[in-house]
Amino acid sequence: MKLEKVNSVIAKRTLQAKDGREIEIIFGTPEEFPDGKDFYCPFQVIGLGDERVRYAGGVDSMQALLLALKKLSYYITSRDEVMNGEVQWLGEPDLGLLPAYQDDLD
């Protein structure tokens, strides 16, 4: 499934890059897949390379939301700028996200 945008935004976080850019993380409301089975939760990172809308799926909306946060955490922490400490949240390199693992990203 390809998503064009995040509808019904439920959470945002703004990060700062050392070069002055703002990087925005956006999460959407978990929704049922079109086939009516299971749920997905969309998210997007704007200002840090690829800005496509991604999502994670789960058997219910809670699992979809939690897996989206985990997937987002891996995506962000695997970026060179973040690994090099060039991106911060509230002036700190800890972005306040869940620890993540490579096998969680498709």
PDB file of N, CA and C in Angstrom:
ATOM      1  N   MET A   1       0.845  -1.167   0.000  1.00  0.00           N
ATOM      2  CA  MET A   1       0.000   0.000   0.000  1.00  0.00           C
ATOM      3  C   MET A   1       0.898   1.240   0.000  1.00  0.00           C
ATOM      4  N   LYS A   2       0.598   2.170  -0.871  1.00  0.00           N
ATOM      5  CA  LYS A   2       1.356   3.415  -0.948  1.00  0.00           C
ATOM      6  C   LYS A   2       0.484   4.557  -0.442  1.00  0.00           C
ATOM      7  N   LEU A   3       1.024   5.328   0.494  1.00  0.00           N
ATOM      8  CA  LEU A   3       0.294   6.464   1.048  1.00  0.00           C
ATOM      9  C   LEU A   3       0.896   7.753   0.516  1.00  0.00           C
ATOM     10  N   GLU A   4       0.046   8.714   0.210  1.00  0.00           N
ATOM     11  CA  GLU A   4       0.495   9.998  -0.318  1.00  0.00           C
ATOM     12  C   GLU A   4       0.725  11.029   0.780  1.00  0.00           C
ATOM     13  N   LYS A   5      -0.060  10.959   1.860  1.00  0.00           N
ATOM     14  CA  LYS A   5       0.091  11.909   2.952  1.00  0.00           C
ATOM     15  C   LYS A   5      -0.422  11.296   4.250  1.00  0.00           C
ATOM     16  N   VAL A   6      -0.069  11.935   5.355  1.00  0.00           N
ATOM     17  CA  VAL A   6      -0.552  11.517   6.665  1.00  0.00           C
ATOM     18  C   VAL A   6      -1.839  12.291   6.940  1.00  0.00           C
ATOM     19  N   ASN A   7      -2.945  11.584   7.062  1.00  0.00           N
ATOM     20  CA  ASN A   7      -4.227  12.215   7.400  1.00  0.00           C
ATOM     21  C   ASN A   7      -4.399  12.198   8.913  1.00  0.00           C
ATOM     22  N   SER A   8      -5.207  13.058   9.426  1.00  0.00           N
ATOM     23  CA  SER A   8      -5.556  13.088  10.849  1.00  0.00           C
ATOM     24  C   SER A   8      -4.321  12.946  11.740  1.00  0.00           C
ATOM     25  N   VAL A   9      -3.481  13.951  11.726  1.00  0.00           N
ATOM     26  CA  VAL A   9      -2.250  13.948  12.514  1.00  0.00           C
ATOM     27  C   VAL A   9      -2.584  13.877  14.002  1.00  0.00           C
ATOM     28  N   ILE A  10      -1.941  12.937  14.709  1.00  0.00           N
ATOM     29  CA  ILE A  10      -2.172  12.807  16.146  1.00  0.00           C
ATOM     30  C   ILE A  10      -0.960  13.224  16.976  1.00  0.00           C
ATOM     31  N   ALA A  11       0.215  13.284  16.357  1.00  0.00           N
ATOM     32  CA  ALA A  11       1.409  13.673  17.116  1.00  0.00           C
ATOM     33  C   ALA A  11       2.472  14.206  16.170  1.00  0.00           C
ATOM     34  N   LYS A  12       3.213  15.202  16.662  1.00  0.00           N
ATOM     35  CA  LYS A  12       4.330  15.776  15.908  1.00  0.00           C
ATOM     36  C   LYS A  12       5.490  16.006  16.862  1.00  0.00           C
ATOM     37  N   ARG A  13       6.678  15.941  16.329  1.00  0.00           N
ATOM     38  CA  ARG A  13       7.881  16.323  17.071  1.00  0.00           C
ATOM     39  C   ARG A  13       8.786  17.056  16.095  1.00  0.00           C
ATOM     40  N   THR A  14       9.366  18.162  16.553  1.00  0.00           N
ATOM     41  CA  THR A  14      10.293  18.927  15.733  1.00  0.00           C
ATOM     42  C   THR A  14      11.694  18.770  16.292  1.00  0.00           C
ATOM     43  N   LEU A  15      12.602  18.328  15.428  1.00  0.00           N
ATOM     44  CA  LEU A  15      14.010  18.174  15.774  1.00  0.00           C
ATOM     45  C   LEU A  15      14.783  19.301  15.112  1.00  0.00           C
ATOM     46  N   GLN A  16      15.979  19.579  15.627  1.00  0.00           N
ATOM     47  CA  GLN A  16      16.809  20.622  15.052  1.00  0.00           C
ATOM     48  C   GLN A  16      18.111  20.016  14.546  1.00  0.00           C
ATOM     49  N   ALA A  17      18.484  20.392  13.328  1.00  0.00           N
ATOM     50  CA  ALA A  17      19.779  19.999  12.780  1.00  0.00           C
ATOM     51  C   ALA A  17      20.763  21.115  13.101  1.00  0.00           C
ATOM     52  N   LYS A  18      22.023  20.746  13.235  1.00  0.00           N
ATOM     53  CA  LYS A  18      23.040  21.749  13.565  1.00  0.00           C
ATOM     54  C   LYS A  18      23.181  22.822  12.503  1.00  0.00           C
ATOM     55  N   ASP A  19      22.758  22.529  11.276  1.00  0.00           N
ATOM     56  CA  ASP A  19      22.836  23.534  10.217  1.00  0.00           C
ATOM     57  C   ASP A  19      21.631  24.481  10.211  1.00  0.00           C
ATOM     58  N   GLY A  20      20.760  24.355  11.211  1.00  0.00           N
ATOM     59  CA  GLY A  20      19.620  25.253  11.350  1.00  0.00           C
ATOM     60  C   GLY A  20      18.301  24.722  10.814  1.00  0.00           C
ATOM     61  N   ARG A  21      18.334  23.627  10.072  1.00  0.00           N
ATOM     62  CA  ARG A  21      17.089  23.049   9.535  1.00  0.00           C
ATOM     63  C   ARG A  21      16.233  22.490  10.661  1.00  0.00           C
ATOM     64  N   GLU A  22      14.932  22.508  10.442  1.00  0.00           N
ATOM     65  CA  GLU A  22      14.013  21.801  11.328  1.00  0.00           C
ATOM     66  C   GLU A  22      13.596  20.513  10.643  1.00  0.00           C
ATOM     67  N   ILE A  23      13.520  19.469  11.418  1.00  0.00           N
ATOM     68  CA  ILE A  23      13.101  18.155  10.927  1.00  0.00           C
ATOM     69  C   ILE A  23      11.831  17.804  11.687  1.00  0.00           C
ATOM     70  N   GLU A  24      10.772  17.529  10.936  1.00  0.00           N
ATOM     71  CA  GLU A  24       9.485  17.261  11.571  1.00  0.00           C
ATOM     72  C   GLU A  24       9.114  15.790  11.442  1.00  0.00           C
ATOM     73  N   ILE A  25       8.698  15.222  12.565  1.00  0.00           N
ATOM     74  CA  ILE A  25       8.188  13.853  12.601  1.00  0.00           C
ATOM     75  C   ILE A  25       6.682  13.957  12.806  1.00  0.00           C
ATOM     76  N   ILE A  26       5.924  13.261  11.964  1.00  0.00           N
ATOM     77  CA  ILE A  26       4.464  13.329  12.020  1.00  0.00           C
ATOM     78  C   ILE A  26       3.901  11.909  12.103  1.00  0.00           C
ATOM     79  N   PHE A  27       2.974  11.695  13.030  1.00  0.00           N
ATOM     80  CA  PHE A  27       2.244  10.428  13.136  1.00  0.00           C
ATOM     81  C   PHE A  27       0.775  10.675  12.865  1.00  0.00           C
ATOM     82  N   GLY A  28       0.157   9.751  12.124  1.00  0.00           N
ATOM     83  CA  GLY A  28      -1.268   9.845  11.847  1.00  0.00           C
ATOM     84  C   GLY A  28      -2.063   8.879  12.704  1.00  0.00           C
ATOM     85  N   THR A  29      -3.354   9.048  12.678  1.00  0.00           N
ATOM     86  CA  THR A  29      -4.265   8.160  13.391  1.00  0.00           C
ATOM     87  C   THR A  29      -4.205   6.765  12.788  1.00  0.00           C
ATOM     88  N   PRO A  30      -4.083   5.731  13.619  1.00  0.00           N
ATOM     89  CA  PRO A  30      -4.164   4.371  13.073  1.00  0.00           C
ATOM     90  C   PRO A  30      -5.532   4.152  12.411  1.00  0.00           C
ATOM     91  N   GLU A  31      -5.508   3.475  11.278  1.00  0.00           N
ATOM     92  CA  GLU A  31      -6.729   3.201  10.528  1.00  0.00           C
ATOM     93  C   GLU A  31      -6.759   1.743  10.104  1.00  0.00           C
ATOM     94  N   GLU A  32      -7.971   1.263   9.790  1.00  0.00           N
ATOM     95  CA  GLU A  32      -8.079  -0.097   9.267  1.00  0.00           C
ATOM     96  C   GLU A  32      -7.545  -0.139   7.837  1.00  0.00           C
ATOM     97  N   PHE A  33      -6.894  -1.251   7.495  1.00  0.00           N
ATOM     98  CA  PHE A  33      -6.498  -1.462   6.115  1.00  0.00           C
ATOM     99  C   PHE A  33      -7.760  -1.495   5.249  1.00  0.00           C
ATOM    100  N   PRO A  34      -7.636  -1.167   3.965  1.00  0.00           N
ATOM    101  CA  PRO A  34      -8.811  -1.152   3.076  1.00  0.00           C
ATOM    102  C   PRO A  34      -9.605  -2.466   3.076  1.00  0.00           C
ATOM    103  N   ASP A  35      -8.930  -3.593   3.304  1.00  0.00           N
ATOM    104  CA  ASP A  35      -9.649  -4.868   3.300  1.00  0.00           C
ATOM    105  C   ASP A  35     -10.391  -5.130   4.609  1.00  0.00           C
ATOM    106  N   GLY A  36     -10.285  -4.200   5.574  1.00  0.00           N
ATOM    107  CA  GLY A  36     -11.002  -4.337   6.836  1.00  0.00           C
ATOM    108  C   GLY A  36     -10.351  -5.264   7.838  1.00  0.00           C
ATOM    109  N   LYS A  37      -9.188  -5.783   7.508  1.00  0.00           N
ATOM    110  CA  LYS A  37      -8.475  -6.664   8.423  1.00  0.00           C
ATOM    111  C   LYS A  37      -7.244  -5.924   8.924  1.00  0.00           C
ATOM    112  N   ASP A  38      -7.056  -5.900  10.204  1.00  0.00           N
ATOM    113  CA  ASP A  38      -5.885  -5.303  10.819  1.00  0.00           C
ATOM    114  C   ASP A  38      -5.846  -3.784  10.607  1.00  0.00           C
ATOM    115  N   PHE A  39      -4.825  -3.159  11.184  1.00  0.00           N
ATOM    116  CA  PHE A  39      -4.690  -1.705  11.177  1.00  0.00           C
ATOM    117  C   PHE A  39      -3.301  -1.291  10.712  1.00  0.00           C
ATOM    118  N   TYR A  40      -3.191  -0.037  10.276  1.00  0.00           N
ATOM    119  CA  TYR A  40      -1.889   0.540   9.954  1.00  0.00           C
ATOM    120  C   TYR A  40      -1.824   1.930  10.581  1.00  0.00           C
ATOM    121  N   CYS A  41      -0.597   2.372  10.865  1.00  0.00           N
ATOM    122  CA  CYS A  41      -0.389   3.702  11.418  1.00  0.00           C
ATOM    123  C   CYS A  41       0.656   4.402  10.559  1.00  0.00           C
ATOM    124  N   PRO A  42       0.280   5.501   9.893  1.00  0.00           N
ATOM    125  CA  PRO A  42       1.214   6.215   9.019  1.00  0.00           C
ATOM    126  C   PRO A  42       2.117   7.168   9.798  1.00  0.00           C
ATOM    127  N   PHE A  43       3.315   7.384   9.260  1.00  0.00           N
ATOM    128  CA  PHE A  43       4.215   8.387   9.809  1.00  0.00           C
ATOM    129  C   PHE A  43       5.078   8.937   8.691  1.00  0.00           C
ATOM    130  N   GLN A  44       5.638  10.121   8.925  1.00  0.00           N
ATOM    131  CA  GLN A  44       6.459  10.781   7.913  1.00  0.00           C
ATOM    132  C   GLN A  44       7.536  11.607   8.605  1.00  0.00           C
ATOM    133  N   VAL A  45       8.710  11.652   7.988  1.00  0.00           N
ATOM    134  CA  VAL A  45       9.802  12.499   8.445  1.00  0.00           C
ATOM    135  C   VAL A  45      10.062  13.517   7.342  1.00  0.00           C
ATOM    136  N   ILE A  46       9.953  14.793   7.689  1.00  0.00           N
ATOM    137  CA  ILE A  46      10.144  15.870   6.721  1.00  0.00           C
ATOM    138  C   ILE A  46      11.417  16.634   7.081  1.00  0.00           C
ATOM    139  N   GLY A  47      12.309  16.769   6.107  1.00  0.00           N
ATOM    140  CA  GLY A  47      13.521  17.540   6.310  1.00  0.00           C
ATOM    141  C   GLY A  47      14.770  16.722   6.538  1.00  0.00           C
ATOM    142  N   LEU A  48      14.671  15.410   6.354  1.00  0.00           N
ATOM    143  CA  LEU A  48      15.822  14.527   6.568  1.00  0.00           C
ATOM    144  C   LEU A  48      15.863  13.497   5.451  1.00  0.00           C
ATOM    145  N   GLY A  49      16.071  13.977   4.221  1.00  0.00           N
ATOM    146  CA  GLY A  49      16.164  13.060   3.083  1.00  0.00           C
ATOM    147  C   GLY A  49      14.807  12.638   2.573  1.00  0.00           C
ATOM    148  N   ASP A  50      14.634  11.348   2.391  1.00  0.00           N
ATOM    149  CA  ASP A  50      13.413  10.755   1.847  1.00  0.00           C
ATOM    150  C   ASP A  50      12.206  11.157   2.700  1.00  0.00           C
ATOM    151  N   GLU A  51      11.216  11.767   2.080  1.00  0.00           N
ATOM    152  CA  GLU A  51      10.057  12.248   2.832  1.00  0.00           C
ATOM    153  C   GLU A  51       8.798  11.423   2.569  1.00  0.00           C
ATOM    154  N   ARG A  52       8.971  10.202   2.083  1.00  0.00           N
ATOM    155  CA  ARG A  52       7.778   9.406   1.783  1.00  0.00           C
ATOM    156  C   ARG A  52       7.043   9.021   3.067  1.00  0.00           C
ATOM    157  N   VAL A  53       5.752   8.801   2.921  1.00  0.00           N
ATOM    158  CA  VAL A  53       4.933   8.374   4.049  1.00  0.00           C
ATOM    159  C   VAL A  53       5.114   6.867   4.208  1.00  0.00           C
ATOM    160  N   ARG A  54       5.483   6.477   5.411  1.00  0.00           N
ATOM    161  CA  ARG A  54       5.663   5.065   5.749  1.00  0.00           C
ATOM    162  C   ARG A  54       4.557   4.670   6.714  1.00  0.00           C
ATOM    163  N   TYR A  55       4.471   3.380   7.003  1.00  0.00           N
ATOM    164  CA  TYR A  55       3.481   2.936   7.984  1.00  0.00           C
ATOM    165  C   TYR A  55       3.924   1.604   8.583  1.00  0.00           C
ATOM    166  N   ALA A  56       3.292   1.273   9.683  1.00  0.00           N
ATOM    167  CA  ALA A  56       3.463  -0.048  10.287  1.00  0.00           C
ATOM    168  C   ALA A  56       2.073  -0.620  10.496  1.00  0.00           C
ATOM    169  N   GLY A  57       1.959  -1.934  10.379  1.00  0.00           N
ATOM    170  CA  GLY A  57       0.675  -2.594  10.545  1.00  0.00           C
ATOM    171  C   GLY A  57       0.643  -3.422  11.813  1.00  0.00           C
ATOM    172  N   GLY A  58      -0.556  -3.582  12.348  1.00  0.00           N
ATOM    173  CA  GLY A  58      -0.743  -4.401  13.538  1.00  0.00           C
ATOM    174  C   GLY A  58      -2.141  -4.983  13.562  1.00  0.00           C
ATOM    175  N   VAL A  59      -2.386  -5.886  14.483  1.00  0.00           N
ATOM    176  CA  VAL A  59      -3.698  -6.527  14.558  1.00  0.00           C
ATOM    177  C   VAL A  59      -4.767  -5.593  15.119  1.00  0.00           C
ATOM    178  N   ASP A  60      -4.340  -4.555  15.839  1.00  0.00           N
ATOM    179  CA  ASP A  60      -5.274  -3.534  16.304  1.00  0.00           C
ATOM    180  C   ASP A  60      -4.578  -2.172  16.227  1.00  0.00           C
ATOM    181  N   SER A  61      -5.310  -1.123  16.518  1.00  0.00           N
ATOM    182  CA  SER A  61      -4.743   0.219  16.367  1.00  0.00           C
ATOM    183  C   SER A  61      -3.586   0.477  17.327  1.00  0.00           C
ATOM    184  N   MET A  62      -3.635  -0.087  18.525  1.00  0.00           N
ATOM    185  CA  MET A  62      -2.554   0.096  19.488  1.00  0.00           C
ATOM    186  C   MET A  62      -1.261  -0.533  18.982  1.00  0.00           C
ATOM    187  N   GLN A  63      -1.337  -1.745  18.486  1.00  0.00           N
ATOM    188  CA  GLN A  63      -0.134  -2.407  17.979  1.00  0.00           C
ATOM    189  C   GLN A  63       0.413  -1.658  16.758  1.00  0.00           C
ATOM    190  N   ALA A  64      -0.457  -1.191  15.893  1.00  0.00           N
ATOM    191  CA  ALA A  64      -0.006  -0.432  14.719  1.00  0.00           C
ATOM    192  C   ALA A  64       0.728   0.835  15.156  1.00  0.00           C
ATOM    193  N   LEU A  65       0.208   1.535  16.140  1.00  0.00           N
ATOM    194  CA  LEU A  65       0.843   2.752  16.639  1.00  0.00           C
ATOM    195  C   LEU A  65       2.205   2.452  17.262  1.00  0.00           C
ATOM    196  N   LEU A  66       2.275   1.444  18.105  1.00  0.00           N
ATOM    197  CA  LEU A  66       3.539   1.094  18.753  1.00  0.00           C
ATOM    198  C   LEU A  66       4.590   0.642  17.741  1.00  0.00           C
ATOM    199  N   LEU A  67       4.176  -0.144  16.764  1.00  0.00           N
ATOM    200  CA  LEU A  67       5.127  -0.601  15.744  1.00  0.00           C
ATOM    201  C   LEU A  67       5.566   0.550  14.836  1.00  0.00           C
ATOM    202  N   ALA A  68       4.685   1.511  14.589  1.00  0.00           N
ATOM    203  CA  ALA A  68       5.067   2.684  13.794  1.00  0.00           C
ATOM    204  C   ALA A  68       6.130   3.493  14.538  1.00  0.00           C
ATOM    205  N   LEU A  69       5.980   3.651  15.844  1.00  0.00           N
ATOM    206  CA  LEU A  69       6.983   4.367  16.629  1.00  0.00           C
ATOM    207  C   LEU A  69       8.315   3.631  16.605  1.00  0.00           C
ATOM    208  N   LYS A  70       8.259   2.329  16.698  1.00  0.00           N
ATOM    209  CA  LYS A  70       9.486   1.532  16.650  1.00  0.00           C
ATOM    210  C   LYS A  70      10.155   1.634  15.274  1.00  0.00           C
ATOM    211  N   LYS A  71       9.362   1.544  14.231  1.00  0.00           N
ATOM    212  CA  LYS A  71       9.886   1.621  12.867  1.00  0.00           C
ATOM    213  C   LYS A  71      10.473   3.012  12.597  1.00  0.00           C
ATOM    214  N   LEU A  72       9.771   4.049  13.041  1.00  0.00           N
ATOM    215  CA  LEU A  72      10.274   5.407  12.904  1.00  0.00           C
ATOM    216  C   LEU A  72      11.596   5.562  13.645  1.00  0.00           C
ATOM    217  N   SER A  73      11.690   4.987  14.826  1.00  0.00           N
ATOM    218  CA  SER A  73      12.918   5.079  15.623  1.00  0.00           C
ATOM    219  C   SER A  73      14.099   4.495  14.871  1.00  0.00           C
ATOM    220  N   TYR A  74      13.902   3.365  14.234  1.00  0.00           N
ATOM    221  CA  TYR A  74      15.000   2.791  13.467  1.00  0.00           C
ATOM    222  C   TYR A  74      15.353   3.682  12.279  1.00  0.00           C
ATOM    223  N   TYR A  75      14.349   4.142  11.561  1.00  0.00           N
ATOM    224  CA  TYR A  75      14.606   4.984  10.385  1.00  0.00           C
ATOM    225  C   TYR A  75      15.432   6.211  10.775  1.00  0.00           C
ATOM    226  N   ILE A  76      15.017   6.909  11.818  1.00  0.00           N
ATOM    227  CA  ILE A  76      15.706   8.131  12.245  1.00  0.00           C
ATOM    228  C   ILE A  76      17.116   7.825  12.736  1.00  0.00           C
ATOM    229  N   THR A  77      17.252   6.855  13.620  1.00  0.00           N
ATOM    230  CA  THR A  77      18.561   6.598  14.237  1.00  0.00           C
ATOM    231  C   THR A  77      19.561   5.986  13.264  1.00  0.00           C
ATOM    232  N   SER A  78      19.109   5.497  12.126  1.00  0.00           N
ATOM    233  CA  SER A  78      20.035   4.932  11.142  1.00  0.00           C
ATOM    234  C   SER A  78      20.556   5.988  10.159  1.00  0.00           C
ATOM    235  N   ARG A  79      20.033   7.198  10.232  1.00  0.00           N
ATOM    236  CA  ARG A  79      20.471   8.273   9.338  1.00  0.00           C
ATOM    237  C   ARG A  79      21.835   8.794   9.790  1.00  0.00           C
ATOM    238  N   ASP A  80      22.731   9.054   8.842  1.00  0.00           N
ATOM    239  CA  ASP A  80      24.082   9.518   9.159  1.00  0.00           C
ATOM    240  C   ASP A  80      24.088  10.768  10.036  1.00  0.00           C
ATOM    241  N   GLU A  81      23.240  11.726   9.706  1.00  0.00           N
ATOM    242  CA  GLU A  81      23.207  12.977  10.467  1.00  0.00           C
ATOM    243  C   GLU A  81      22.867  12.747  11.940  1.00  0.00           C
ATOM    244  N   VAL A  82      21.985  11.798  12.188  1.00  0.00           N
ATOM    245  CA  VAL A  82      21.588  11.499  13.561  1.00  0.00           C
ATOM    246  C   VAL A  82      22.704  10.740  14.264  1.00  0.00           C
ATOM    247  N   MET A  83      23.271   9.755  13.583  1.00  0.00           N
ATOM    248  CA  MET A  83      24.360   8.973  14.185  1.00  0.00           C
ATOM    249  C   MET A  83      25.564   9.851  14.501  1.00  0.00           C
ATOM    250  N   ASN A  84      25.782  10.900  13.713  1.00  0.00           N
ATOM    251  CA  ASN A  84      26.906  11.813  13.934  1.00  0.00           C
ATOM    252  C   ASN A  84      26.599  12.909  14.945  1.00  0.00           C
ATOM    253  N   GLY A  85      25.409  12.885  15.548  1.00  0.00           N
ATOM    254  CA  GLY A  85      25.039  13.877  16.549  1.00  0.00           C
ATOM    255  C   GLY A  85      24.675  15.234  15.987  1.00  0.00           C
ATOM    256  N   GLU A  86      24.368  15.291  14.693  1.00  0.00           N
ATOM    257  CA  GLU A  86      24.043  16.562  14.045  1.00  0.00           C
ATOM    258  C   GLU A  86      22.566  16.922  14.144  1.00  0.00           C
ATOM    259  N   VAL A  87      21.769  16.044  14.733  1.00  0.00           N
ATOM    260  CA  VAL A  87      20.341  16.295  14.918  1.00  0.00           C
ATOM    261  C   VAL A  87      20.044  16.181  16.407  1.00  0.00           C
ATOM    262  N   GLN A  88      19.276  17.153  16.909  1.00  0.00           N
ATOM    263  CA  GLN A  88      18.985  17.175  18.340  1.00  0.00           C
ATOM    264  C   GLN A  88      17.516  17.449  18.595  1.00  0.00           C
ATOM    265  N   TRP A  89      17.118  17.130  19.803  1.00  0.00           N
ATOM    266  CA  TRP A  89      15.785  17.467  20.289  1.00  0.00           C
ATOM    267  C   TRP A  89      15.973  18.153  21.630  1.00  0.00           C
ATOM    268  N   LEU A  90      15.450  19.343  21.768  1.00  0.00           N
ATOM    269  CA  LEU A  90      15.591  20.141  22.982  1.00  0.00           C
ATOM    270  C   LEU A  90      17.051  20.325  23.378  1.00  0.00           C
ATOM    271  N   GLY A  91      17.903  20.469  22.351  1.00  0.00           N
ATOM    272  CA  GLY A  91      19.314  20.719  22.589  1.00  0.00           C
ATOM    273  C   GLY A  91      20.140  19.501  22.972  1.00  0.00           C
ATOM    274  N   GLU A  92      19.554  18.320  22.883  1.00  0.00           N
ATOM    275  CA  GLU A  92      20.246  17.083  23.264  1.00  0.00           C
ATOM    276  C   GLU A  92      20.240  16.094  22.095  1.00  0.00           C
ATOM    277  N   PRO A  93      21.270  15.250  22.002  1.00  0.00           N
ATOM    278  CA  PRO A  93      21.303  14.250  20.928  1.00  0.00           C
ATOM    279  C   PRO A  93      20.306  13.100  21.143  1.00  0.00           C
ATOM    280  N   ASP A  94      19.803  12.918  22.368  1.00  0.00           N
ATOM    281  CA  ASP A  94      18.770  11.903  22.619  1.00  0.00           C
ATOM    282  C   ASP A  94      17.459  12.450  22.065  1.00  0.00           C
ATOM    283  N   LEU A  95      16.927  11.802  21.048  1.00  0.00           N
ATOM    284  CA  LEU A  95      15.732  12.299  20.373  1.00  0.00           C
ATOM    285  C   LEU A  95      14.442  11.900  21.077  1.00  0.00           C
ATOM    286  N   GLY A  96      14.559  11.190  22.208  1.00  0.00           N
ATOM    287  CA  GLY A  96      13.388  10.820  22.984  1.00  0.00           C
ATOM    288  C   GLY A  96      12.521   9.772  22.315  1.00  0.00           C
ATOM    289  N   LEU A  97      13.152   8.894  21.539  1.00  0.00           N
ATOM    290  CA  LEU A  97      12.418   7.844  20.825  1.00  0.00           C
ATOM    291  C   LEU A  97      12.774   6.479  21.394  1.00  0.00           C
ATOM    292  N   LEU A  98      11.992   5.486  21.040  1.00  0.00           N
ATOM    293  CA  LEU A  98      12.264   4.117  21.473  1.00  0.00           C
ATOM    294  C   LEU A  98      13.534   3.584  20.847  1.00  0.00           C
ATOM    295  N   PRO A  99      14.256   2.708  21.545  1.00  0.00           N
ATOM    296  CA  PRO A  99      15.369   2.015  20.883  1.00  0.00           C
ATOM    297  C   PRO A  99      14.796   1.220  19.706  1.00  0.00           C
ATOM    298  N   ALA A 100      15.551   1.081  18.646  1.00  0.00           N
ATOM    299  CA  ALA A 100      15.039   0.406  17.456  1.00  0.00           C
ATOM    300  C   ALA A 100      16.076  -0.567  16.899  1.00  0.00           C
ATOM    301  N   TYR A 101      15.615  -1.460  16.057  1.00  0.00           N
ATOM    302  CA  TYR A 101      16.465  -2.492  15.494  1.00  0.00           C
ATOM    303  C   TYR A 101      16.280  -2.544  13.980  1.00  0.00           C
ATOM    304  N   GLN A 102      17.333  -2.851  13.289  1.00  0.00           N
ATOM    305  CA  GLN A 102      17.353  -2.808  11.831  1.00  0.00           C
ATOM    306  C   GLN A 102      16.290  -3.686  11.178  1.00  0.00           C
ATOM    307  N   ASP A 103      15.985  -4.848  11.739  1.00  0.00           N
ATOM    308  CA  ASP A 103      15.040  -5.748  11.086  1.00  0.00           C
ATOM    309  C   ASP A 103      13.605  -5.225  11.103  1.00  0.00           C
ATOM    310  N   ASP A 104      13.356  -4.085  11.751  1.00  0.00           N
ATOM    311  CA  ASP A 104      12.022  -3.517  11.812  1.00  0.00           C
ATOM    312  C   ASP A 104      11.691  -2.625  10.629  1.00  0.00           C
ATOM    313  N   LEU A 105      12.662  -2.304   9.793  1.00  0.00           N
ATOM    314  CA  LEU A 105      12.430  -1.385   8.668  1.00  0.00           C
ATOM    315  C   LEU A 105      12.362  -2.159   7.370  1.00  0.00           C
ATOM    316  N   ASP A 106      11.316  -1.861   6.584  1.00  0.00           N
ATOM    317  CA  ASP A 106      11.222  -2.543   5.281  1.00  0.00           C
ATOM    318  C   ASP A 106      11.839  -1.702   4.202  1.00  0.00           C
TER     319      ASP A 106
END
